[in-house]
Every structure is written in C-alpha cells, then in structure tokens.
C-alpha cells in the first residue's frame, strides 16, 4: 500500500477477475486514515485466494479497498471479510484516539 496509490498482494494486474467492488471509508483526518490503511494493508495479498483479490489505497482522509473476483460468490465473501476488517480496525483506532485525548 502506498499513499495515494494502491497495491495488490503481488502488485500484478488481473484481467481474469471480472467482478469488482470497492469499499470506501472516510476517516476523521489524514493521520487516522494513514493508520487504518496501514493496519489493513497487511492483509492484502495474505487473504487473497484463487477466486478473489484485494488492494488497499489511501487518498487524504479516505481509505479504499478495491476487490476483484472471478464470481459473485467470491466477491460477496470478499466484501464481507473486508467490511469486517475495516470495521474492527476503525473501532480499535477510535478507541486508541479516545484513550490518548
């Protein structure tokens, strides 16, 4: 994952993954988005399989996970997984921010 860019686990493009979706999460500020993106980016590539791929990017205070899948079932499973990862990571980040202030 790079600031303002995106990476997939191995950085390659996949034309065989015809189904796509994106999850976009606005954060309170850029440092929060940077922490969230770093927290979930380690999973890009690690949880990819032969049916789906994900990439994580950040632009300013927004984190986006782009998903590509070979079929609708794999896309739905990927959306569910990444939505949970983003939710948990953002809750942990919010708890951290609240305990610091």
N, C-alpha and C. Protein backbone atom coordinates (compact mmCIF):
# COMPACT_ATOMS: atom_id res chain seq x y z
N UNK A 1 0.86 -1.17 0.00
CA UNK A 1 0.00 0.00 0.00
C UNK A 1 0.90 1.22 0.00
N UNK A 2 0.59 2.15 -0.83
CA UNK A 2 1.32 3.39 -0.87
C UNK A 2 0.35 4.54 -0.71
N UNK A 3 0.83 5.66 -0.18
CA UNK A 3 -0.03 6.82 -0.05
C UNK A 3 -0.43 7.30 -1.43
N UNK A 4 -1.74 7.48 -1.60
CA UNK A 4 -2.24 7.95 -2.87
C UNK A 4 -2.22 6.92 -3.97
N UNK A 5 -1.82 5.70 -3.67
CA UNK A 5 -1.77 4.65 -4.67
C UNK A 5 -2.37 3.38 -4.12
N UNK A 6 -2.15 2.29 -4.81
CA UNK A 6 -2.69 1.03 -4.33
C UNK A 6 -1.77 -0.11 -4.71
N UNK A 7 -1.87 -1.18 -3.96
CA UNK A 7 -1.13 -2.38 -4.29
C UNK A 7 -2.01 -3.59 -4.06
N UNK A 8 -1.77 -4.58 -4.84
CA UNK A 8 -2.36 -5.88 -4.60
C UNK A 8 -1.26 -6.71 -4.01
N UNK A 9 -1.54 -7.83 -3.44
CA UNK A 9 -0.54 -8.66 -2.81
C UNK A 9 0.76 -8.75 -3.57
N UNK A 10 0.73 -9.07 -4.87
CA UNK A 10 1.95 -9.17 -5.65
C UNK A 10 2.11 -8.04 -6.66
N UNK A 11 1.21 -7.07 -6.63
CA UNK A 11 1.31 -5.90 -7.50
C UNK A 11 0.88 -6.13 -8.94
N UNK A 12 0.44 -7.33 -9.28
CA UNK A 12 0.09 -7.65 -10.66
C UNK A 12 -1.36 -7.29 -10.97
N UNK A 13 -1.63 -7.05 -12.23
CA UNK A 13 -2.99 -6.79 -12.68
C UNK A 13 -3.65 -8.12 -13.02
N UNK A 14 -4.95 -8.24 -12.75
CA UNK A 14 -5.67 -9.47 -13.02
C UNK A 14 -6.86 -9.20 -13.91
N UNK A 15 -6.79 -9.62 -15.16
CA UNK A 15 -7.91 -9.44 -16.07
C UNK A 15 -8.91 -10.57 -15.94
N UNK A 16 -8.54 -11.70 -15.32
CA UNK A 16 -9.45 -12.84 -15.16
C UNK A 16 -10.48 -12.59 -14.06
N UNK A 17 -10.30 -11.57 -13.27
CA UNK A 17 -11.21 -11.27 -12.17
C UNK A 17 -12.22 -10.23 -12.65
N UNK A 18 -13.32 -10.70 -13.24
CA UNK A 18 -14.25 -9.83 -13.94
C UNK A 18 -15.20 -9.04 -13.04
N UNK A 19 -15.41 -9.48 -11.82
CA UNK A 19 -16.35 -8.82 -10.91
C UNK A 19 -15.58 -7.93 -9.95
N UNK A 20 -16.08 -6.71 -9.75
CA UNK A 20 -15.35 -5.76 -8.92
C UNK A 20 -16.29 -4.97 -8.03
N UNK A 21 -15.75 -4.54 -6.90
CA UNK A 21 -16.46 -3.67 -5.97
C UNK A 21 -15.42 -2.93 -5.15
N UNK A 22 -15.84 -1.86 -4.52
CA UNK A 22 -14.94 -1.09 -3.67
C UNK A 22 -15.65 -0.70 -2.38
N UNK A 23 -14.90 -0.72 -1.31
CA UNK A 23 -15.36 -0.23 -0.01
C UNK A 23 -14.56 1.03 0.29
N UNK A 24 -15.24 2.13 0.55
CA UNK A 24 -14.58 3.40 0.83
C UNK A 24 -14.98 3.87 2.22
N UNK A 25 -13.97 4.18 3.03
CA UNK A 25 -14.24 4.61 4.40
C UNK A 25 -13.59 5.97 4.65
N UNK A 26 -14.40 7.01 4.82
CA UNK A 26 -13.84 8.31 5.19
C UNK A 26 -13.43 8.29 6.66
N UNK A 27 -12.29 8.85 6.96
CA UNK A 27 -11.79 8.90 8.34
C UNK A 27 -11.87 10.33 8.85
N UNK A 28 -11.66 10.51 10.13
CA UNK A 28 -11.76 11.84 10.73
C UNK A 28 -10.68 12.78 10.23
N UNK A 29 -9.50 12.25 9.94
CA UNK A 29 -8.40 13.06 9.44
C UNK A 29 -7.39 12.18 8.72
N UNK A 30 -6.39 12.80 8.11
CA UNK A 30 -5.41 12.05 7.34
C UNK A 30 -4.57 11.10 8.19
N UNK A 31 -4.11 11.50 9.39
CA UNK A 31 -3.36 10.55 10.21
C UNK A 31 -4.18 9.30 10.58
N UNK A 32 -5.47 9.48 10.85
CA UNK A 32 -6.33 8.32 11.15
C UNK A 32 -6.46 7.43 9.92
N UNK A 33 -6.59 8.02 8.75
CA UNK A 33 -6.68 7.23 7.52
C UNK A 33 -5.37 6.50 7.25
N UNK A 34 -4.27 7.15 7.53
CA UNK A 34 -2.95 6.52 7.34
C UNK A 34 -2.82 5.30 8.26
N UNK A 35 -3.23 5.44 9.52
CA UNK A 35 -3.15 4.32 10.47
C UNK A 35 -4.08 3.17 10.04
N UNK A 36 -5.30 3.52 9.63
CA UNK A 36 -6.26 2.50 9.21
C UNK A 36 -5.74 1.76 7.98
N UNK A 37 -5.27 2.49 6.98
CA UNK A 37 -4.76 1.86 5.77
C UNK A 37 -3.58 0.95 6.08
N UNK A 38 -2.69 1.40 6.94
CA UNK A 38 -1.53 0.57 7.30
C UNK A 38 -1.97 -0.69 8.05
N UNK A 39 -2.99 -0.56 8.88
CA UNK A 39 -3.46 -1.70 9.67
C UNK A 39 -4.08 -2.78 8.79
N UNK A 40 -4.83 -2.39 7.77
CA UNK A 40 -5.49 -3.40 6.94
C UNK A 40 -4.69 -3.79 5.70
N UNK A 41 -3.75 -2.97 5.27
CA UNK A 41 -2.98 -3.26 4.06
C UNK A 41 -2.17 -4.55 4.19
N UNK A 42 -1.78 -4.90 5.41
CA UNK A 42 -1.00 -6.14 5.59
C UNK A 42 -1.81 -7.37 5.18
N UNK A 43 -3.14 -7.24 5.15
CA UNK A 43 -3.98 -8.37 4.76
C UNK A 43 -4.12 -8.50 3.25
N UNK A 44 -3.86 -7.43 2.50
CA UNK A 44 -3.94 -7.51 1.03
C UNK A 44 -2.86 -8.48 0.56
N UNK A 45 -3.28 -9.46 -0.16
CA UNK A 45 -2.36 -10.50 -0.61
C UNK A 45 -2.34 -11.69 0.32
N UNK A 46 -2.40 -11.42 1.62
CA UNK A 46 -2.35 -12.51 2.61
C UNK A 46 -3.63 -13.34 2.60
N UNK A 47 -4.77 -12.69 2.38
CA UNK A 47 -6.03 -13.43 2.38
C UNK A 47 -6.60 -13.62 0.98
N UNK A 48 -5.85 -13.18 -0.04
CA UNK A 48 -6.27 -13.43 -1.41
C UNK A 48 -6.26 -14.94 -1.66
N UNK A 49 -7.11 -15.36 -2.57
CA UNK A 49 -7.09 -16.76 -2.97
C UNK A 49 -7.23 -16.84 -4.48
N UNK A 50 -7.48 -18.03 -5.00
CA UNK A 50 -7.56 -18.17 -6.45
C UNK A 50 -8.83 -17.58 -7.04
N UNK A 51 -9.78 -17.14 -6.20
CA UNK A 51 -11.04 -16.58 -6.69
C UNK A 51 -11.20 -15.09 -6.46
N UNK A 52 -10.38 -14.49 -5.60
CA UNK A 52 -10.55 -13.07 -5.33
C UNK A 52 -9.23 -12.41 -4.94
N UNK A 53 -9.17 -11.11 -5.15
CA UNK A 53 -8.00 -10.29 -4.86
C UNK A 53 -8.47 -8.97 -4.26
N UNK A 54 -7.62 -8.36 -3.47
CA UNK A 54 -7.95 -7.06 -2.89
C UNK A 54 -6.72 -6.15 -2.91
N UNK A 55 -6.98 -4.86 -2.99
CA UNK A 55 -5.91 -3.86 -2.86
C UNK A 55 -6.42 -2.76 -1.95
N UNK A 56 -5.49 -2.13 -1.26
CA UNK A 56 -5.82 -1.06 -0.30
C UNK A 56 -5.13 0.21 -0.77
N UNK A 57 -5.86 1.31 -0.75
CA UNK A 57 -5.27 2.61 -1.09
C UNK A 57 -5.80 3.67 -0.12
N UNK A 58 -5.06 4.77 -0.07
CA UNK A 58 -5.47 5.89 0.77
C UNK A 58 -5.27 7.17 -0.02
N UNK A 59 -6.25 8.05 0.04
CA UNK A 59 -6.15 9.39 -0.54
C UNK A 59 -6.65 10.36 0.52
N UNK A 60 -5.75 11.19 0.99
CA UNK A 60 -6.08 12.14 2.05
C UNK A 60 -6.67 11.40 3.25
N UNK A 61 -7.92 11.69 3.62
CA UNK A 61 -8.52 11.07 4.81
C UNK A 61 -9.49 9.96 4.44
N UNK A 62 -9.28 9.32 3.29
CA UNK A 62 -10.18 8.26 2.84
C UNK A 62 -9.39 6.99 2.52
N UNK A 63 -9.89 5.87 3.01
CA UNK A 63 -9.28 4.57 2.74
C UNK A 63 -10.23 3.80 1.83
N UNK A 64 -9.67 3.18 0.80
CA UNK A 64 -10.47 2.40 -0.14
C UNK A 64 -9.87 1.00 -0.30
N UNK A 65 -10.74 0.01 -0.25
CA UNK A 65 -10.35 -1.37 -0.55
C UNK A 65 -11.07 -1.73 -1.84
N UNK A 66 -10.29 -2.07 -2.85
CA UNK A 66 -10.85 -2.49 -4.12
C UNK A 66 -10.77 -4.01 -4.21
N UNK A 67 -11.89 -4.63 -4.52
CA UNK A 67 -11.97 -6.08 -4.61
C UNK A 67 -12.25 -6.50 -6.04
N UNK A 68 -11.62 -7.59 -6.45
CA UNK A 68 -11.88 -8.21 -7.75
C UNK A 68 -12.07 -9.69 -7.51
N UNK A 69 -13.03 -10.27 -8.20
CA UNK A 69 -13.33 -11.69 -8.00
C UNK A 69 -13.71 -12.35 -9.31
N UNK A 70 -13.54 -13.65 -9.33
CA UNK A 70 -13.89 -14.43 -10.52
C UNK A 70 -15.40 -14.66 -10.62
N UNK A 71 -16.10 -14.65 -9.47
CA UNK A 71 -17.54 -14.91 -9.47
C UNK A 71 -18.21 -14.09 -8.37
N UNK A 72 -19.54 -14.02 -8.42
CA UNK A 72 -20.29 -13.20 -7.46
C UNK A 72 -20.17 -13.71 -6.03
N UNK A 73 -20.10 -15.01 -5.86
CA UNK A 73 -20.00 -15.57 -4.51
C UNK A 73 -18.68 -15.16 -3.86
N UNK A 74 -17.61 -15.23 -4.62
CA UNK A 74 -16.30 -14.82 -4.09
C UNK A 74 -16.27 -13.32 -3.81
N UNK A 75 -16.93 -12.54 -4.66
CA UNK A 75 -16.99 -11.09 -4.44
C UNK A 75 -17.74 -10.77 -3.14
N UNK A 76 -18.87 -11.44 -2.93
CA UNK A 76 -19.64 -11.23 -1.70
C UNK A 76 -18.83 -11.62 -0.48
N UNK A 77 -18.14 -12.74 -0.54
CA UNK A 77 -17.32 -13.18 0.59
C UNK A 77 -16.20 -12.18 0.86
N UNK A 78 -15.58 -11.68 -0.20
CA UNK A 78 -14.53 -10.68 -0.03
C UNK A 78 -15.06 -9.39 0.57
N UNK A 79 -16.22 -8.95 0.11
CA UNK A 79 -16.84 -7.74 0.67
C UNK A 79 -17.12 -7.91 2.16
N UNK A 80 -17.67 -9.06 2.53
CA UNK A 80 -17.95 -9.31 3.95
C UNK A 80 -16.67 -9.31 4.78
N UNK A 81 -15.64 -9.98 4.29
CA UNK A 81 -14.37 -10.05 5.02
C UNK A 81 -13.76 -8.67 5.20
N UNK A 82 -13.65 -7.92 4.10
CA UNK A 82 -13.00 -6.62 4.18
C UNK A 82 -13.84 -5.59 4.94
N UNK A 83 -15.16 -5.69 4.87
CA UNK A 83 -16.01 -4.79 5.66
C UNK A 83 -15.76 -5.02 7.15
N UNK A 84 -15.65 -6.29 7.55
CA UNK A 84 -15.36 -6.60 8.97
C UNK A 84 -13.97 -6.10 9.36
N UNK A 85 -12.97 -6.34 8.49
CA UNK A 85 -11.61 -5.87 8.80
C UNK A 85 -11.57 -4.35 8.98
N UNK A 86 -12.20 -3.63 8.06
CA UNK A 86 -12.23 -2.17 8.17
C UNK A 86 -12.97 -1.72 9.42
N UNK A 87 -14.08 -2.37 9.74
CA UNK A 87 -14.86 -2.02 10.92
C UNK A 87 -14.06 -2.21 12.20
N UNK A 88 -13.45 -3.37 12.34
CA UNK A 88 -12.67 -3.66 13.55
C UNK A 88 -11.48 -2.71 13.66
N UNK A 89 -10.76 -2.51 12.57
CA UNK A 89 -9.59 -1.63 12.61
C UNK A 89 -10.00 -0.19 12.93
N UNK A 90 -11.13 0.27 12.39
CA UNK A 90 -11.56 1.65 12.69
C UNK A 90 -12.02 1.78 14.14
N UNK A 91 -12.66 0.73 14.68
CA UNK A 91 -13.07 0.77 16.09
C UNK A 91 -11.86 0.79 17.01
N UNK A 92 -10.85 0.00 16.70
CA UNK A 92 -9.63 0.00 17.50
C UNK A 92 -8.94 1.36 17.41
N UNK A 93 -8.91 1.93 16.21
CA UNK A 93 -8.31 3.26 16.04
C UNK A 93 -9.06 4.32 16.81
N UNK A 94 -10.39 4.25 16.81
CA UNK A 94 -11.19 5.23 17.55
C UNK A 94 -10.97 5.07 19.05
N UNK A 95 -10.89 3.83 19.52
CA UNK A 95 -10.63 3.60 20.95
C UNK A 95 -9.25 4.14 21.33
N UNK A 96 -8.29 3.95 20.45
CA UNK A 96 -6.94 4.48 20.69
C UNK A 96 -6.97 6.00 20.77
N UNK A 97 -7.65 6.62 19.79
CA UNK A 97 -7.73 8.08 19.76
C UNK A 97 -8.43 8.62 21.01
N UNK A 98 -9.47 7.95 21.48
CA UNK A 98 -10.20 8.39 22.67
C UNK A 98 -9.37 8.24 23.93
N UNK A 99 -8.54 7.21 24.00
CA UNK A 99 -7.72 6.99 25.21
C UNK A 99 -6.54 7.97 25.27
N UNK A 100 -6.10 8.46 24.10
CA UNK A 100 -4.97 9.40 24.06
C UNK A 100 -5.43 10.80 24.42
N UNK A 101 -6.65 11.18 24.05
CA UNK A 101 -7.11 12.55 24.29
C UNK A 101 -7.68 12.75 25.66
